[in-house]
Amino acid sequence: MDFSNAAVLVLIGLVVLRGILIGVGAALILRAVPECPACFAPATFLLQRRWLRRLLPMVEWRFCPQCGWQGPSKRQPGDASVPRPVSKPEAQPFEEPGGPRY
């Protein structure tokens, strides 16, 4: 292995280490409270993000209806699983009052 290959491996290692440090820092900053961090509204709504739940199961996405803020927060203690969405009922065909018009 020559010098240029070693330098590339060191730089790739530094980039990976930087990503790990940023991830750990972001995990420490996130709060596990349902209040809005922008306007301190008493409650925010939990938004279902499948990709986020699969990628980072300890993080959830929240929305504040008062100020419009949306962003990540830590999953609430005791809220180990998110319930699956309720399936939609079968669509009923639309019928006009008085019968169909041709």
Foldseek 3Di string as FASTA:
>chain_A
DDDVVVVVVVVVVVVVVVVVVVVVVVVVPAAQAQADPPPRDRGWDWDDDPVCCVVPVQKTWTADPPPGDIDIHGHHPPCNDDDDDDDDDDDDDDADPPGDDD
